[in-house]
């Protein structure tokens, strides 16, 4: 039984070895010219301002939660599409039911202004 997992073990060992080799090569052969600009934290091409412990707007978290919600919806679509023919009409009806609830959630977020960034 463990012999069937030998290929997976070899793949993990090879991937780890290649990763370590690439890290060592870049460390040994890469340029080493430290300066003040390279030591600064990077923030979208701008000089950083304020402390990183500052507060975020609530809209940021709302946009993140909406992204996760609709991303999870897409995760449900793939397995459903793979076994669509085997599920029959019951599978189609359950997906339509699911899409109605997701659509209602989208309309609710839209009406409440969750998709607007002011």
N, C-alpha and C. Protein backbone atom coordinates (compact mmCIF):
# COMPACT_ATOMS: atom_id res chain seq x y z
N UNK A 1 0.81 -1.19 0.00
CA UNK A 1 0.00 0.00 0.00
C UNK A 1 0.86 1.27 0.00
N UNK A 2 1.91 1.29 0.80
CA UNK A 2 2.77 2.48 0.83
C UNK A 2 3.54 2.64 -0.47
N UNK A 3 3.69 1.59 -1.23
CA UNK A 3 4.41 1.69 -2.50
C UNK A 3 3.70 2.57 -3.50
N UNK A 4 2.39 2.68 -3.38
CA UNK A 4 1.64 3.53 -4.31
C UNK A 4 1.89 5.02 -4.03
N UNK A 5 2.37 5.36 -2.86
CA UNK A 5 2.67 6.75 -2.52
C UNK A 5 4.13 7.11 -2.75
N UNK A 6 4.92 6.18 -3.26
CA UNK A 6 6.34 6.44 -3.46
C UNK A 6 6.56 7.56 -4.48
N UNK A 7 5.76 7.60 -5.55
CA UNK A 7 5.89 8.66 -6.56
C UNK A 7 5.63 10.04 -5.98
N UNK A 8 4.66 10.12 -5.09
CA UNK A 8 4.35 11.41 -4.46
C UNK A 8 5.51 11.84 -3.56
N UNK A 9 6.09 10.89 -2.84
CA UNK A 9 7.24 11.20 -1.99
C UNK A 9 8.41 11.69 -2.83
N UNK A 10 8.67 11.03 -3.95
CA UNK A 10 9.76 11.45 -4.84
C UNK A 10 9.50 12.86 -5.37
N UNK A 11 8.23 13.16 -5.71
CA UNK A 11 7.90 14.49 -6.22
C UNK A 11 8.15 15.56 -5.16
N UNK A 12 7.75 15.30 -3.91
CA UNK A 12 7.99 16.27 -2.84
C UNK A 12 9.47 16.46 -2.58
N UNK A 13 10.24 15.39 -2.60
CA UNK A 13 11.68 15.50 -2.37
C UNK A 13 12.33 16.29 -3.50
N UNK A 14 11.95 16.01 -4.74
CA UNK A 14 12.52 16.75 -5.88
C UNK A 14 12.13 18.22 -5.84
N UNK A 15 10.87 18.52 -5.50
CA UNK A 15 10.43 19.92 -5.42
C UNK A 15 11.19 20.65 -4.32
N UNK A 16 11.37 20.01 -3.17
CA UNK A 16 12.12 20.63 -2.09
C UNK A 16 13.57 20.85 -2.46
N UNK A 17 14.17 19.86 -3.14
CA UNK A 17 15.57 19.98 -3.54
C UNK A 17 15.75 21.11 -4.55
N UNK A 18 14.86 21.20 -5.53
CA UNK A 18 14.95 22.28 -6.53
C UNK A 18 14.77 23.63 -5.85
N UNK A 19 13.85 23.74 -4.90
CA UNK A 19 13.64 25.01 -4.19
C UNK A 19 14.88 25.42 -3.41
N UNK A 20 15.48 24.49 -2.70
CA UNK A 20 16.69 24.79 -1.92
C UNK A 20 17.84 25.16 -2.85
N UNK A 21 17.98 24.44 -3.95
CA UNK A 21 19.06 24.75 -4.91
C UNK A 21 18.89 26.14 -5.48
N UNK A 22 17.66 26.51 -5.87
CA UNK A 22 17.44 27.85 -6.43
C UNK A 22 17.71 28.94 -5.39
N UNK A 23 17.31 28.72 -4.15
CA UNK A 23 17.58 29.70 -3.10
C UNK A 23 19.08 29.86 -2.85
N UNK A 24 19.81 28.76 -2.83
CA UNK A 24 21.26 28.84 -2.62
C UNK A 24 21.96 29.52 -3.80
N UNK A 25 21.56 29.20 -5.02
CA UNK A 25 22.18 29.83 -6.19
C UNK A 25 21.92 31.33 -6.19
N UNK A 26 20.69 31.75 -5.89
CA UNK A 26 20.41 33.19 -5.88
C UNK A 26 21.16 33.89 -4.76
N UNK A 27 21.35 33.22 -3.63
CA UNK A 27 22.09 33.82 -2.53
C UNK A 27 23.57 33.95 -2.85
N UNK A 28 24.13 32.94 -3.51
CA UNK A 28 25.55 32.95 -3.81
C UNK A 28 25.89 33.84 -5.00
N UNK A 29 25.06 33.85 -6.04
CA UNK A 29 25.40 34.56 -7.26
C UNK A 29 24.73 35.92 -7.40
N UNK A 30 23.75 36.22 -6.56
CA UNK A 30 23.02 37.47 -6.68
C UNK A 30 23.85 38.68 -6.27
N UNK A 31 23.51 39.86 -6.82
CA UNK A 31 24.24 41.07 -6.46
C UNK A 31 23.94 41.47 -5.02
N UNK A 32 24.97 41.99 -4.37
CA UNK A 32 24.83 42.40 -2.98
C UNK A 32 25.28 43.85 -2.85
N UNK A 33 24.35 44.77 -3.13
CA UNK A 33 24.64 46.19 -3.01
C UNK A 33 23.56 46.84 -2.16
N UNK A 34 23.64 46.68 -0.84
CA UNK A 34 22.59 47.26 0.02
C UNK A 34 22.68 48.78 0.04
N UNK A 35 21.52 49.41 0.07
CA UNK A 35 21.45 50.86 0.23
C UNK A 35 20.17 51.20 0.98
N UNK A 36 19.98 52.47 1.26
CA UNK A 36 18.84 52.89 2.08
C UNK A 36 17.52 52.65 1.38
N UNK A 37 17.47 52.80 0.06
CA UNK A 37 16.22 52.62 -0.68
C UNK A 37 15.76 51.16 -0.63
N UNK A 38 16.71 50.23 -0.69
CA UNK A 38 16.35 48.82 -0.64
C UNK A 38 15.91 48.39 0.75
N UNK A 39 16.35 49.10 1.77
CA UNK A 39 16.01 48.75 3.14
C UNK A 39 14.65 49.27 3.56
N UNK A 40 14.08 50.22 2.78
CA UNK A 40 12.77 50.79 3.12
C UNK A 40 11.66 49.81 2.76
N UNK A 41 10.58 49.81 3.52
CA UNK A 41 9.43 48.99 3.15
C UNK A 41 8.78 49.54 1.89
N UNK A 42 8.26 48.65 1.07
CA UNK A 42 7.65 49.04 -0.20
C UNK A 42 6.14 49.19 -0.03
N UNK A 43 5.61 50.30 -0.51
CA UNK A 43 4.17 50.53 -0.40
C UNK A 43 3.67 51.14 -1.71
N UNK A 44 3.44 50.31 -2.69
CA UNK A 44 2.85 50.72 -3.97
C UNK A 44 3.65 51.85 -4.64
N UNK A 45 4.94 51.82 -4.54
CA UNK A 45 5.77 52.82 -5.19
C UNK A 45 5.85 54.14 -4.46
N UNK A 46 5.16 54.28 -3.37
CA UNK A 46 5.16 55.52 -2.60
C UNK A 46 5.97 55.34 -1.32
N UNK A 47 6.46 56.45 -0.81
CA UNK A 47 7.14 56.38 0.48
C UNK A 47 6.10 56.07 1.55
N UNK A 48 6.42 55.14 2.45
CA UNK A 48 5.42 54.78 3.47
C UNK A 48 5.13 55.95 4.40
N UNK A 49 3.87 56.05 4.79
CA UNK A 49 3.47 57.10 5.71
C UNK A 49 2.66 56.47 6.84
N UNK A 50 2.78 57.01 8.00
CA UNK A 50 2.03 56.51 9.15
C UNK A 50 2.59 55.19 9.65
N UNK A 51 2.02 54.75 10.75
CA UNK A 51 2.46 53.49 11.31
C UNK A 51 1.59 52.36 10.76
N UNK A 52 2.12 51.17 10.65
CA UNK A 52 1.31 50.07 10.12
C UNK A 52 0.22 49.63 11.08
N UNK A 53 0.21 50.11 12.29
CA UNK A 53 -0.82 49.74 13.24
C UNK A 53 -2.05 50.64 13.13
N UNK A 54 -2.10 51.47 12.08
CA UNK A 54 -3.25 52.35 11.90
C UNK A 54 -4.52 51.58 11.60
N UNK A 55 -5.64 52.26 11.69
CA UNK A 55 -6.93 51.61 11.49
C UNK A 55 -7.30 51.64 10.01
N UNK A 56 -8.00 50.59 9.60
CA UNK A 56 -8.49 50.51 8.23
C UNK A 56 -9.96 50.94 8.21
N UNK A 57 -10.40 51.37 7.05
CA UNK A 57 -11.81 51.73 6.89
C UNK A 57 -12.66 50.46 6.92
N UNK A 58 -13.88 50.59 7.38
CA UNK A 58 -14.79 49.45 7.44
C UNK A 58 -15.10 48.97 6.03
N UNK A 59 -15.13 49.87 5.06
CA UNK A 59 -15.40 49.48 3.67
C UNK A 59 -14.37 48.48 3.16
N UNK A 60 -13.14 48.59 3.64
CA UNK A 60 -12.10 47.65 3.22
C UNK A 60 -12.46 46.23 3.64
N UNK A 61 -12.91 46.07 4.86
CA UNK A 61 -13.28 44.75 5.36
C UNK A 61 -14.55 44.24 4.68
N UNK A 62 -15.48 45.14 4.41
CA UNK A 62 -16.70 44.75 3.73
C UNK A 62 -16.39 44.26 2.31
N UNK A 63 -15.50 44.96 1.62
CA UNK A 63 -15.11 44.52 0.28
C UNK A 63 -14.40 43.17 0.34
N UNK A 64 -13.59 42.95 1.36
CA UNK A 64 -12.92 41.66 1.52
C UNK A 64 -13.90 40.53 1.78
N UNK A 65 -14.91 40.79 2.62
CA UNK A 65 -15.90 39.75 2.90
C UNK A 65 -16.75 39.45 1.67
N UNK A 66 -17.10 40.48 0.89
CA UNK A 66 -17.86 40.24 -0.33
C UNK A 66 -17.03 39.45 -1.34
N UNK A 67 -15.75 39.74 -1.42
CA UNK A 67 -14.88 38.97 -2.32
C UNK A 67 -14.86 37.51 -1.91
N UNK A 68 -14.70 37.24 -0.62
CA UNK A 68 -14.67 35.85 -0.15
C UNK A 68 -16.00 35.17 -0.43
N UNK A 69 -17.11 35.87 -0.21
CA UNK A 69 -18.42 35.30 -0.46
C UNK A 69 -18.56 34.86 -1.92
N UNK A 70 -18.25 35.74 -2.85
CA UNK A 70 -18.42 35.41 -4.25
C UNK A 70 -17.32 34.50 -4.77
N UNK A 71 -16.19 34.47 -4.11
CA UNK A 71 -15.14 33.53 -4.48
C UNK A 71 -15.54 32.11 -4.08
N UNK A 72 -16.14 31.96 -2.92
CA UNK A 72 -16.62 30.64 -2.48
C UNK A 72 -17.73 30.17 -3.41
N UNK A 73 -18.53 31.07 -3.90
CA UNK A 73 -19.55 30.70 -4.89
C UNK A 73 -18.91 30.08 -6.11
N UNK A 74 -17.84 30.66 -6.59
CA UNK A 74 -17.16 30.11 -7.76
C UNK A 74 -16.56 28.74 -7.47
N UNK A 75 -16.13 28.52 -6.24
CA UNK A 75 -15.59 27.21 -5.87
C UNK A 75 -16.66 26.13 -5.98
N UNK A 76 -17.90 26.48 -5.69
CA UNK A 76 -19.00 25.51 -5.81
C UNK A 76 -19.35 25.22 -7.26
N UNK A 77 -19.09 26.15 -8.16
CA UNK A 77 -19.44 25.94 -9.57
C UNK A 77 -18.61 24.85 -10.23
N UNK A 78 -17.34 24.77 -9.94
CA UNK A 78 -16.47 23.83 -10.65
C UNK A 78 -16.86 22.37 -10.44
N UNK A 79 -17.00 21.89 -9.19
CA UNK A 79 -17.39 20.49 -9.05
C UNK A 79 -18.78 20.21 -9.62
N UNK A 80 -19.68 21.19 -9.51
CA UNK A 80 -21.01 21.00 -10.06
C UNK A 80 -20.95 20.85 -11.58
N UNK A 81 -20.10 21.65 -12.23
CA UNK A 81 -19.98 21.56 -13.68
C UNK A 81 -19.35 20.24 -14.11
N UNK A 82 -18.47 19.70 -13.31
CA UNK A 82 -17.80 18.44 -13.66
C UNK A 82 -18.80 17.28 -13.64
N UNK A 83 -19.70 17.25 -12.67
CA UNK A 83 -20.64 16.13 -12.54
C UNK A 83 -22.05 16.54 -12.93
N UNK A 84 -22.18 17.53 -13.78
CA UNK A 84 -23.50 18.06 -14.15
C UNK A 84 -24.40 16.98 -14.75
N UNK A 85 -23.89 16.18 -15.66
CA UNK A 85 -24.71 15.17 -16.33
C UNK A 85 -25.18 14.08 -15.37
N UNK A 86 -24.36 13.72 -14.40
CA UNK A 86 -24.75 12.68 -13.45
C UNK A 86 -25.79 13.17 -12.44
N UNK A 87 -25.84 14.46 -12.18
CA UNK A 87 -26.76 14.99 -11.17
C UNK A 87 -28.19 15.05 -11.67
N UNK A 88 -28.37 15.28 -12.94
CA UNK A 88 -29.71 15.34 -13.50
C UNK A 88 -30.43 16.62 -13.13
N UNK A 89 -31.77 16.53 -13.16
CA UNK A 89 -32.60 17.71 -12.89
C UNK A 89 -32.52 18.15 -11.44
N UNK A 90 -32.32 17.23 -10.54
CA UNK A 90 -32.20 17.60 -9.12
C UNK A 90 -30.97 18.46 -8.88
N UNK A 91 -29.86 18.13 -9.53
CA UNK A 91 -28.65 18.93 -9.40
C UNK A 91 -28.81 20.31 -10.00
N UNK A 92 -29.52 20.38 -11.14
CA UNK A 92 -29.77 21.68 -11.76
C UNK A 92 -30.66 22.53 -10.86
N UNK A 93 -31.71 21.93 -10.30
CA UNK A 93 -32.61 22.67 -9.43
C UNK A 93 -31.89 23.17 -8.18
N UNK A 94 -31.03 22.34 -7.59
CA UNK A 94 -30.31 22.78 -6.39
C UNK A 94 -29.33 23.91 -6.71
N UNK A 95 -28.70 23.88 -7.89
CA UNK A 95 -27.79 24.97 -8.26
C UNK A 95 -28.56 26.25 -8.54
N UNK A 96 -29.73 26.14 -9.15
CA UNK A 96 -30.55 27.33 -9.38
C UNK A 96 -30.99 27.92 -8.03
N UNK A 97 -31.37 27.06 -7.09
CA UNK A 97 -31.74 27.50 -5.75
C UNK A 97 -30.57 28.22 -5.09
N UNK A 98 -29.37 27.67 -5.21
CA UNK A 98 -28.16 28.28 -4.65
C UNK A 98 -27.90 29.64 -5.31
N UNK A 99 -28.04 29.71 -6.63
CA UNK A 99 -27.79 30.95 -7.35
C UNK A 99 -28.81 32.03 -6.98
N UNK A 100 -30.04 31.63 -6.70
CA UNK A 100 -31.04 32.61 -6.27
C UNK A 100 -30.61 33.25 -4.95
N UNK A 101 -30.16 32.43 -4.00
CA UNK A 101 -29.73 32.99 -2.72
C UNK A 101 -28.48 33.85 -2.86
N UNK A 102 -27.54 33.43 -3.69
CA UNK A 102 -26.35 34.26 -3.91
C UNK A 102 -26.73 35.55 -4.61
N UNK A 103 -27.64 35.47 -5.56
CA UNK A 103 -28.11 36.68 -6.24
C UNK A 103 -28.82 37.63 -5.30
N UNK A 104 -29.62 37.09 -4.39
CA UNK A 104 -30.27 37.94 -3.39
C UNK A 104 -29.24 38.61 -2.48
N UNK A 105 -28.19 37.88 -2.12
CA UNK A 105 -27.12 38.48 -1.32
C UNK A 105 -26.40 39.58 -2.08
N UNK A 106 -26.20 39.37 -3.37
CA UNK A 106 -25.56 40.40 -4.21
C UNK A 106 -26.43 41.64 -4.31
N UNK A 107 -27.71 41.44 -4.53
CA UNK A 107 -28.63 42.58 -4.62
C UNK A 107 -28.69 43.33 -3.29
N UNK A 108 -28.70 42.60 -2.17
CA UNK A 108 -28.71 43.23 -0.86
C UNK A 108 -27.45 44.08 -0.66
N UNK A 109 -26.29 43.52 -1.00
CA UNK A 109 -25.04 44.28 -0.86
C UNK A 109 -25.03 45.49 -1.77
N UNK A 110 -25.57 45.34 -2.95
CA UNK A 110 -25.62 46.44 -3.91
C UNK A 110 -26.53 47.57 -3.39
N UNK A 111 -27.71 47.21 -2.91
CA UNK A 111 -28.67 48.20 -2.41
C UNK A 111 -28.15 48.91 -1.16
N UNK A 112 -27.42 48.20 -0.33
CA UNK A 112 -26.90 48.80 0.90
C UNK A 112 -25.64 49.65 0.66
N UNK A 113 -25.13 49.64 -0.58
CA UNK A 113 -23.96 50.45 -0.91
C UNK A 113 -22.65 49.77 -0.62
N UNK A 114 -22.66 48.45 -0.46
CA UNK A 114 -21.43 47.72 -0.16
C UNK A 114 -20.46 47.64 -1.33
N UNK A 115 -20.95 47.91 -2.54
CA UNK A 115 -20.08 47.83 -3.71
C UNK A 115 -19.55 49.21 -4.12
N UNK A 116 -19.95 50.24 -3.41
CA UNK A 116 -19.48 51.60 -3.73
C UNK A 116 -18.33 51.97 -2.81
N UNK A 117 -17.35 52.62 -3.37
CA UNK A 117 -16.17 53.03 -2.59
C UNK A 117 -16.08 54.55 -2.65
N UNK A 118 -16.49 55.20 -1.57
CA UNK A 118 -16.47 56.67 -1.54
C UNK A 118 -15.43 57.17 -0.59
